[in-house]
């Protein structure tokens, strides 16, 4: 168990401690505000504040986790042990930046609550992200920080136990529009043809016509291929079908469309059969992981 000293506990602090210390590093932890209790504790210790107390792992705290509301953060990104870091504190510290504030900033998507450019769909533009600007968008940087801090804690307190979370790959598929051309109804189909004509998009006119005349498969109808692919490689998959009302950005088929209902029913049967076939393998894997 890791004993953590901090003077103040806020919802932000509790959230990021649970996520970073418990979920990512795998340590059970407790928080204390009592310095004497902290000093006398014989196990692994970490303090989070403005000054170290004893011979513990010390992380200097910036203000972010103790603030309320959204404030502009003056960030400078630098290199630490081969990885990008921010919320710098002082090079003399073992961890020369506030790793908890930095993690909260990234995981909470704090920058998306600040004033920023938005695209035509009123979404955050990726070019506004500090991760893209500083070239670490493709790296699980918070997980890397957690792994490095865990090694530091284990080096100082080798007796501490932690739970290593096994890696799991889960494929997810969003089906926001079941078909590109099929099942759209007369009004939507005629409107789409008219739009194609005004845009002189004759290639789409031809493709739409071939699909509606059953001369060609709908380009979005890849369901059998996806099922076969996931079954072949024994990949656990979660499908998300959009069932919302028709709107400006949500244009899936209405839920009372019989062919759409048949597709959903067929898909549920296929997934259920695949799950039943994989159950023995899943049980064996679970037993192996418990050893």
Protein backbone atom coordinates (compact mmCIF):
# COMPACT_ATOMS: atom_id res chain seq x y z
CA UNK A 1 0.00 0.00 0.00
CA UNK A 2 1.20 3.50 -0.86
CA UNK A 3 0.65 6.22 1.72
CA UNK A 4 0.19 9.65 0.15
CA UNK A 5 0.51 12.90 2.04
CA UNK A 6 -1.28 16.00 0.80
CA UNK A 7 -2.73 18.92 2.70
CA UNK A 8 -5.91 19.22 0.67
CA UNK A 9 -8.11 16.75 -1.19
CA UNK A 10 -10.20 18.09 -4.05
CA UNK A 11 -12.44 16.25 -6.53
CA UNK A 12 -9.81 16.81 -9.20
CA UNK A 13 -7.06 15.39 -7.02
CA UNK A 14 -9.09 12.36 -5.98
CA UNK A 15 -10.03 11.67 -9.59
CA UNK A 16 -6.47 11.75 -10.91
CA UNK A 17 -5.05 9.82 -7.92
CA UNK A 18 -7.59 7.05 -8.46
CA UNK A 19 -6.80 6.94 -12.15
CA UNK A 20 -3.03 7.38 -12.04
CA UNK A 21 -2.02 5.62 -8.81
CA UNK A 22 -4.64 2.87 -8.66
CA UNK A 23 -5.64 2.15 -12.25
CA UNK A 24 -2.39 2.83 -14.11
CA UNK A 25 0.33 2.13 -11.54
CA UNK A 26 -1.65 -0.60 -9.83
CA UNK A 27 -1.05 0.54 -6.25
CA UNK A 28 -3.61 0.58 -3.50
CA UNK A 29 -3.20 3.90 -1.69
CA UNK A 30 -4.41 5.94 1.24
CA UNK A 31 -4.26 9.69 1.81
CA UNK A 32 -3.18 11.28 5.07
CA UNK A 33 -2.95 14.89 6.21
CA UNK A 34 -0.98 13.98 9.35
CA UNK A 35 2.77 14.53 9.01
CA UNK A 36 3.65 12.43 12.05
CA UNK A 37 1.60 9.52 10.79
CA UNK A 38 3.29 9.90 7.43
CA UNK A 39 6.81 9.98 8.92
CA UNK A 40 6.23 6.91 11.06
CA UNK A 41 4.78 4.81 8.23
CA UNK A 42 7.14 1.94 7.42
CA UNK A 43 5.91 1.28 3.88
CA UNK A 44 6.03 3.15 0.59
CA UNK A 45 5.38 6.88 0.87
CA UNK A 46 4.71 9.70 -1.56
CA UNK A 47 4.04 13.34 -0.75
CA UNK A 48 2.34 15.85 -2.99
CA UNK A 49 2.75 19.46 -1.98
CA UNK A 50 5.18 22.36 -1.94
CA UNK A 51 7.90 20.79 0.23
CA UNK A 52 9.20 17.33 1.04
CA UNK A 53 8.58 15.93 4.53
CA UNK A 54 11.01 13.04 4.91
CA UNK A 55 12.81 10.51 2.74
CA UNK A 56 9.74 9.88 0.56
CA UNK A 57 9.01 10.19 -3.13
CA UNK A 58 8.18 13.88 -3.47
CA UNK A 59 6.20 15.52 -6.25
CA UNK A 60 5.89 19.28 -6.19
CA UNK A 61 2.29 20.35 -6.73
CA UNK A 62 1.22 23.06 -9.10
CA UNK A 63 -2.14 24.80 -8.64
CA UNK A 64 -4.25 23.01 -11.24
CA UNK A 65 -5.70 20.28 -9.01
CA UNK A 66 -6.61 22.82 -6.30
CA UNK A 67 -8.29 25.34 -8.60
CA UNK A 68 -11.96 25.69 -9.42
CA UNK A 69 -13.23 26.59 -12.83
CA UNK A 70 -11.25 26.68 -16.05
CA UNK A 71 -8.18 28.90 -16.28
CA UNK A 72 -5.66 29.35 -19.07
CA UNK A 73 -2.57 27.26 -18.29
CA UNK A 74 0.88 28.50 -19.26
CA UNK A 75 2.43 25.28 -20.54
CA UNK A 76 5.98 24.58 -21.58
CA UNK A 77 6.76 21.10 -22.88
CA UNK A 78 10.21 19.65 -22.22
CA UNK A 79 12.03 16.29 -22.31
CA UNK A 80 12.23 14.12 -19.21
CA UNK A 81 13.90 10.72 -19.36
CA UNK A 82 13.21 10.37 -23.06
CA UNK A 83 9.57 11.42 -22.91
CA UNK A 84 7.68 14.70 -23.19
CA UNK A 85 6.53 16.35 -19.96
CA UNK A 86 4.87 19.57 -18.84
CA UNK A 87 3.99 21.50 -15.69
CA UNK A 88 7.70 21.73 -14.93
CA UNK A 89 8.76 22.27 -11.31
CA UNK A 90 12.52 21.98 -10.60
CA UNK A 91 15.29 19.75 -12.03
CA UNK A 92 16.47 18.85 -8.52
CA UNK A 93 13.37 16.72 -7.92
CA UNK A 94 13.23 13.05 -8.89
CA UNK A 95 10.11 13.86 -10.88
CA UNK A 96 10.83 17.38 -12.19
CA UNK A 97 7.23 18.14 -13.10
CA UNK A 98 3.78 17.85 -11.59
CA UNK A 99 2.84 14.52 -13.13
CA UNK A 100 -0.62 14.56 -11.53
CA UNK A 101 -1.54 18.00 -12.86
CA UNK A 102 -0.14 17.10 -16.28
CA UNK A 103 -2.14 13.86 -16.33
CA UNK A 104 -5.33 15.62 -15.28
CA UNK A 105 -4.83 18.25 -17.98
CA UNK A 106 -4.53 15.61 -20.70
CA UNK A 107 -7.03 13.00 -19.49
CA UNK A 108 -9.79 15.53 -18.71
CA UNK A 109 -9.25 17.17 -22.12
CA UNK A 110 -8.85 20.45 -20.24
CA UNK A 111 -7.73 22.32 -23.36
CA UNK A 112 -11.08 21.64 -25.03
CA UNK A 113 -12.80 23.78 -22.38
CA UNK A 114 -10.54 26.75 -23.16
CA UNK A 115 -11.24 29.18 -26.03
CA UNK A 116 -10.17 27.50 -29.28
CA UNK A 117 -10.90 27.20 -32.98
CA UNK A 118 -13.76 24.92 -33.95
CA UNK A 119 -14.49 23.15 -37.22
CA UNK A 120 -17.62 23.32 -39.35
CA UNK A 121 -19.32 20.81 -37.01
CA UNK A 122 -18.45 22.86 -33.91
CA UNK A 123 -15.76 20.39 -32.80
CA UNK A 124 -12.33 20.90 -31.30
CA UNK A 125 -9.73 21.10 -34.08
CA UNK A 126 -6.80 18.73 -33.61
CA UNK A 127 -4.30 21.41 -34.65
CA UNK A 128 -5.21 23.25 -31.42
CA UNK A 129 -4.01 20.29 -29.32
CA UNK A 130 -0.71 20.63 -27.50
CA UNK A 131 -0.12 16.92 -28.13
CA UNK A 132 -0.09 17.52 -31.89
CA UNK A 133 1.84 20.78 -31.63
CA UNK A 134 4.56 19.16 -29.51
CA UNK A 135 4.59 15.86 -31.41
CA UNK A 136 3.39 13.35 -28.82
CA UNK A 137 -0.15 12.76 -30.08
CA UNK A 138 0.61 9.16 -31.06
CA UNK A 139 2.12 8.18 -27.70
CA UNK A 140 0.24 7.06 -24.54
CA UNK A 141 2.18 9.63 -22.59
CA UNK A 142 0.22 9.39 -19.31
CA UNK A 143 0.71 5.60 -19.28
CA UNK A 144 4.43 6.11 -19.89
CA UNK A 145 4.66 8.53 -16.94
CA UNK A 146 2.83 6.03 -14.75
CA UNK A 147 5.20 3.21 -15.72
CA UNK A 148 8.25 5.37 -15.00
CA UNK A 149 6.95 6.58 -11.63
CA UNK A 150 6.08 3.00 -10.66
CA UNK A 151 9.68 1.95 -11.35
CA UNK A 152 10.95 4.84 -9.21
CA UNK A 153 8.66 3.83 -6.33
CA UNK A 154 9.66 0.16 -6.66
CA UNK A 155 13.32 1.18 -6.67
CA UNK A 156 12.89 3.10 -3.41
CA UNK A 157 10.37 0.73 -1.79
CA UNK A 158 10.90 -2.73 -3.35
CA UNK A 159 8.49 -4.43 -0.95
CA UNK A 160 5.37 -2.68 -2.22
CA UNK A 161 2.90 -4.83 -4.13
CA UNK A 162 1.09 -3.72 -7.22
CA UNK A 163 -1.47 -5.16 -9.61
CA UNK A 164 -0.23 -5.44 -13.18
CA UNK A 165 -3.17 -4.97 -15.51
CA UNK A 166 -2.98 -7.44 -18.43
CA UNK A 167 -3.09 -5.90 -21.89
CA UNK A 168 -6.37 -6.34 -23.72
CA UNK A 169 -7.21 -5.33 -27.26
CA UNK A 170 -10.87 -4.56 -27.89
CA UNK A 171 -12.03 -3.59 -31.36
CA UNK A 172 -14.91 -1.13 -31.57
CA UNK A 173 -16.94 -0.33 -34.67
CA UNK A 174 -19.22 2.70 -34.96
CA UNK A 175 -22.07 2.19 -37.40
CA UNK A 176 -23.50 5.67 -37.73
CA UNK A 177 -24.98 5.03 -41.15
CA UNK A 178 -26.02 1.49 -41.99
CA UNK A 179 -26.00 2.03 -45.76
CA UNK A 180 -24.63 4.67 -48.09
CA UNK A 181 -27.52 4.49 -50.59
CA UNK A 182 -29.96 1.75 -49.64
CA UNK A 183 -33.10 2.15 -47.50
CA UNK A 184 -33.04 5.96 -47.64
CA UNK A 185 -36.59 6.42 -48.84
CA UNK A 186 -37.84 8.29 -51.91
CA UNK A 187 -37.42 11.85 -50.61
CA UNK A 188 -33.84 11.39 -49.36
CA UNK A 189 -32.83 9.50 -52.50
CA UNK A 190 -34.29 12.12 -54.86
CA UNK A 191 -32.70 14.88 -52.78
CA UNK A 192 -29.31 13.15 -52.95
CA UNK A 193 -29.60 12.77 -56.73
CA UNK A 194 -30.44 16.47 -57.03
CA UNK A 195 -27.43 17.40 -54.90
CA UNK A 196 -25.16 15.20 -57.01
CA UNK A 197 -26.44 16.90 -60.18
CA UNK A 198 -25.84 20.42 -58.84
CA UNK A 199 -22.32 19.37 -57.78
CA UNK A 200 -21.75 17.60 -61.15
CA UNK A 201 -20.85 14.48 -59.16
CA UNK A 202 -21.66 12.00 -61.90
CA UNK A 203 -19.49 9.26 -60.40
CA UNK A 204 -21.70 9.13 -57.30
CA UNK A 205 -24.83 9.26 -59.41
CA UNK A 206 -23.62 6.19 -61.29
CA UNK A 207 -22.60 4.35 -58.12
CA UNK A 208 -25.89 5.14 -56.37
CA UNK A 209 -27.84 3.90 -59.38
CA UNK A 210 -25.90 0.62 -59.59
CA UNK A 211 -26.48 -0.03 -55.88
CA UNK A 212 -30.21 0.77 -56.00
CA UNK A 213 -30.60 -1.51 -59.03
CA UNK A 214 -28.87 -4.31 -57.09
CA UNK A 215 -26.04 -4.40 -59.62
CA UNK A 216 -23.47 -3.57 -56.96
CA UNK A 217 -23.17 -3.97 -53.19
CA UNK A 218 -23.68 -0.88 -51.05
CA UNK A 219 -20.21 0.44 -50.10
CA UNK A 220 -21.20 0.57 -46.41
CA UNK A 221 -22.46 -3.02 -46.43
CA UNK A 222 -19.30 -4.59 -45.02
CA UNK A 223 -20.99 -6.48 -42.19
CA UNK A 224 -20.25 -10.00 -43.36
CA UNK A 225 -16.62 -9.07 -44.04
CA UNK A 226 -16.23 -7.56 -40.55
CA UNK A 227 -17.81 -10.60 -38.91
CA UNK A 228 -15.55 -13.02 -40.79
CA UNK A 229 -12.47 -10.93 -40.05
CA UNK A 230 -13.12 -10.74 -36.30
CA UNK A 231 -14.00 -14.44 -36.15
CA UNK A 232 -10.86 -15.41 -38.06
CA UNK A 233 -8.54 -13.56 -35.69
CA UNK A 234 -10.68 -14.21 -32.59
CA UNK A 235 -10.97 -10.51 -31.83
CA UNK A 236 -13.43 -9.33 -29.20
CA UNK A 237 -15.46 -6.54 -30.78
CA UNK A 238 -18.12 -4.08 -29.63
CA UNK A 239 -20.50 -2.62 -32.23
CA UNK A 240 -22.19 0.72 -31.71
CA UNK A 241 -25.27 1.24 -33.90
CA UNK A 242 -26.62 4.79 -34.02
CA UNK A 243 -30.31 4.67 -33.10
CA UNK A 244 -30.91 8.39 -32.62
CA UNK A 245 -33.43 10.57 -34.36
CA UNK A 246 -32.61 12.00 -37.78
CA UNK A 247 -30.75 15.29 -37.40
CA UNK A 248 -28.21 17.62 -38.95
CA UNK A 249 -25.28 15.34 -38.10
CA UNK A 250 -27.08 12.05 -37.37
CA UNK A 251 -28.55 10.58 -40.54
CA UNK A 252 -28.88 6.87 -39.89
CA UNK A 253 -31.97 4.91 -40.88
CA UNK A 254 -35.08 5.27 -38.72
CA UNK A 255 -35.47 2.53 -36.14
CA UNK A 256 -38.86 1.53 -37.55
CA UNK A 257 -37.25 0.63 -40.89
CA UNK A 258 -37.86 -3.12 -41.27
CA UNK A 259 -34.65 -3.83 -43.17
CA UNK A 260 -32.65 -1.95 -40.57
CA UNK A 261 -34.34 -3.99 -37.84
CA UNK A 262 -33.54 -7.19 -39.76
CA UNK A 263 -29.90 -6.13 -40.02
CA UNK A 264 -29.72 -5.55 -36.26
CA UNK A 265 -31.39 -8.89 -35.51
CA UNK A 266 -29.10 -10.76 -37.91
CA UNK A 267 -26.07 -9.05 -36.42
CA UNK A 268 -27.10 -9.99 -32.89
CA UNK A 269 -27.46 -13.64 -33.93
CA UNK A 270 -24.02 -13.66 -35.60
CA UNK A 271 -22.35 -12.04 -32.59
CA UNK A 272 -24.09 -14.40 -30.15
CA UNK A 273 -22.96 -17.47 -32.13
CA UNK A 274 -19.38 -16.20 -32.28
CA UNK A 275 -19.44 -15.51 -28.53
CA UNK A 276 -20.68 -19.04 -27.78
CA UNK A 277 -17.91 -20.55 -29.92
CA UNK A 278 -15.27 -18.47 -28.16
CA UNK A 279 -16.49 -19.15 -24.62
CA UNK A 280 -14.21 -22.19 -23.99
CA UNK A 281 -11.17 -20.21 -25.14
CA UNK A 282 -12.18 -17.21 -23.02
CA UNK A 283 -12.58 -19.43 -19.95
CA UNK A 284 -9.13 -20.98 -20.47
CA UNK A 285 -7.54 -17.55 -20.87
CA UNK A 286 -9.23 -16.28 -17.72
CA UNK A 287 -7.94 -19.29 -15.79
CA UNK A 288 -4.43 -18.74 -17.12
CA UNK A 289 -4.45 -15.05 -16.15
CA UNK A 290 -5.53 -15.88 -12.60
CA UNK A 291 -2.47 -18.10 -12.04
